[in-house]
């Protein structure tokens, strides 16, 4: 499902959810219009509304994804800063979230952020797609 995202530019993103550690849901967020033109800027109001609806359906929030051009194969410094903001805003019981980069029609690189002792550690993860 992630590989089916539209080609970049512009970047888009969205949220991932599921149950029992299996990602089953994806909602695309076209984001806010960015003055830069290609950068994804999340529509936080839309995303929070979707997460609230998922809670009613007992779907857990597992993280956020966004698309990149293939020449940018890793998280930018801005991406890492935003991941830190998201992790710090999460309740204490949320210790980790996923932040995949999607290269439409090609591949997905999964990054996992883990919150421990007021620090955020981000690492690339190998994920099994079933």
Protein backbone atom coordinates (compact mmCIF):
# COMPACT_ATOMS: atom_id res chain seq x y z
CA UNK A 1 0.00 0.00 0.00
CA UNK A 2 2.81 2.46 0.78
CA UNK A 3 4.48 1.82 -2.57
CA UNK A 4 1.32 3.01 -4.30
CA UNK A 5 1.81 6.60 -3.10
CA UNK A 6 1.96 9.18 -5.90
CA UNK A 7 5.30 10.16 -7.37
CA UNK A 8 7.30 13.02 -5.85
CA UNK A 9 7.14 16.02 -6.13
CA UNK A 10 5.28 17.04 -4.15
CA UNK A 11 5.95 14.98 -1.04
CA UNK A 12 2.94 13.58 0.77
CA UNK A 13 2.64 11.68 4.00
CA UNK A 14 0.25 10.12 6.39
CA UNK A 15 -0.25 7.89 9.39
CA UNK A 16 -0.01 4.18 10.07
CA UNK A 17 -2.11 2.15 12.45
CA UNK A 18 -2.87 -1.42 13.34
CA UNK A 19 -3.32 -4.05 15.99
CA UNK A 20 -1.05 -6.58 17.68
CA UNK A 21 2.13 -5.03 16.19
CA UNK A 22 0.84 -5.44 12.62
CA UNK A 23 0.35 -2.33 10.50
CA UNK A 24 -3.07 -2.69 8.87
CA UNK A 25 -4.20 0.88 8.23
CA UNK A 26 -2.81 3.81 6.32
CA UNK A 27 -4.33 7.24 5.87
CA UNK A 28 -2.80 9.61 3.34
CA UNK A 29 -2.50 13.25 4.30
CA UNK A 30 -1.83 15.60 1.40
CA UNK A 31 -0.55 18.05 4.00
CA UNK A 32 -0.53 21.81 4.02
CA UNK A 33 0.76 23.76 1.08
CA UNK A 34 4.44 24.40 1.63
CA UNK A 35 6.18 27.55 0.53
CA UNK A 36 9.10 25.36 -0.62
CA UNK A 37 6.85 23.43 -2.96
CA UNK A 38 8.04 19.86 -2.52
CA UNK A 39 8.29 19.46 1.27
CA UNK A 40 5.57 17.62 3.16
CA UNK A 41 4.04 19.70 5.97
CA UNK A 42 1.48 17.58 7.88
CA UNK A 43 -2.08 18.75 8.42
CA UNK A 44 -1.97 18.16 12.19
CA UNK A 45 -5.69 18.82 12.71
CA UNK A 46 -6.63 16.19 10.09
CA UNK A 47 -4.12 13.67 11.47
CA UNK A 48 -5.23 14.10 15.09
CA UNK A 49 -8.88 13.68 14.01
CA UNK A 50 -7.99 10.40 12.27
CA UNK A 51 -6.07 9.11 15.29
CA UNK A 52 -9.05 9.94 17.56
CA UNK A 53 -11.36 7.99 15.22
CA UNK A 54 -8.93 5.05 15.31
CA UNK A 55 -9.03 5.02 19.11
CA UNK A 56 -12.79 4.42 18.94
CA UNK A 57 -12.09 1.45 16.63
CA UNK A 58 -9.26 0.16 18.87
CA UNK A 59 -6.66 0.78 16.17
CA UNK A 60 -3.29 1.76 17.58
CA UNK A 61 -1.27 4.63 16.13
CA UNK A 62 2.06 3.19 14.90
CA UNK A 63 3.67 6.19 13.26
CA UNK A 64 3.90 8.51 10.28
CA UNK A 65 5.33 8.11 6.80
CA UNK A 66 6.21 10.50 4.03
CA UNK A 67 7.52 10.26 0.50
CA UNK A 68 10.96 11.23 -0.72
CA UNK A 69 12.73 11.46 -4.04
CA UNK A 70 15.05 8.47 -4.51
CA UNK A 71 18.15 10.66 -4.30
CA UNK A 72 17.33 11.47 -0.64
CA UNK A 73 17.60 7.99 0.88
CA UNK A 74 17.64 8.95 4.55
CA UNK A 75 15.86 11.17 7.02
CA UNK A 76 16.74 14.85 6.79
CA UNK A 77 17.71 16.83 9.88
CA UNK A 78 14.28 18.48 9.70
CA UNK A 79 12.66 15.00 9.61
CA UNK A 80 14.62 13.97 12.71
CA UNK A 81 13.66 17.16 14.56
CA UNK A 82 9.98 16.61 13.74
CA UNK A 83 10.20 12.97 14.86
CA UNK A 84 11.62 14.21 18.17
CA UNK A 85 8.69 16.62 18.58
CA UNK A 86 6.18 13.84 17.87
CA UNK A 87 7.85 11.41 20.27
CA UNK A 88 8.00 14.01 23.04
CA UNK A 89 4.28 14.74 22.57
CA UNK A 90 3.31 11.08 22.97
CA UNK A 91 1.97 9.72 26.25
CA UNK A 92 4.50 7.83 28.39
CA UNK A 93 3.12 4.42 27.37
CA UNK A 94 4.13 5.08 23.74
CA UNK A 95 7.79 4.10 23.74
CA UNK A 96 8.31 3.71 19.99
CA UNK A 97 6.83 4.66 16.62
CA UNK A 98 7.71 4.02 12.98
CA UNK A 99 8.62 6.74 10.48
CA UNK A 100 9.04 5.12 7.07
CA UNK A 101 10.36 6.92 4.03
CA UNK A 102 8.46 5.92 0.91
CA UNK A 103 10.04 5.97 -2.52
CA UNK A 104 6.90 5.50 -4.67
CA UNK A 105 6.83 2.47 -6.94
CA UNK A 106 10.30 1.46 -5.66
CA UNK A 107 10.91 0.78 -1.96
CA UNK A 108 10.17 1.72 1.64
CA UNK A 109 12.83 2.33 4.28
CA UNK A 110 11.53 1.95 7.83
CA UNK A 111 12.91 4.03 10.66
CA UNK A 112 11.95 3.40 14.27
CA UNK A 113 12.10 6.05 16.97
CA UNK A 114 12.44 4.86 20.56
CA UNK A 115 11.96 7.09 23.59
CA UNK A 116 14.03 6.15 26.63
CA UNK A 117 15.23 8.25 29.57
CA UNK A 118 14.14 11.50 27.85
CA UNK A 119 16.22 10.64 24.77
CA UNK A 120 15.02 9.75 21.28
CA UNK A 121 17.00 7.17 19.32
CA UNK A 122 16.20 6.72 15.62
CA UNK A 123 17.41 3.66 13.73
CA UNK A 124 16.68 1.98 10.43
CA UNK A 125 14.68 -1.21 10.87
CA UNK A 126 14.19 -4.29 8.74
CA UNK A 127 10.46 -4.94 8.50
CA UNK A 128 8.70 -8.07 7.29
CA UNK A 129 6.00 -7.29 4.75
CA UNK A 130 3.25 -9.91 4.81
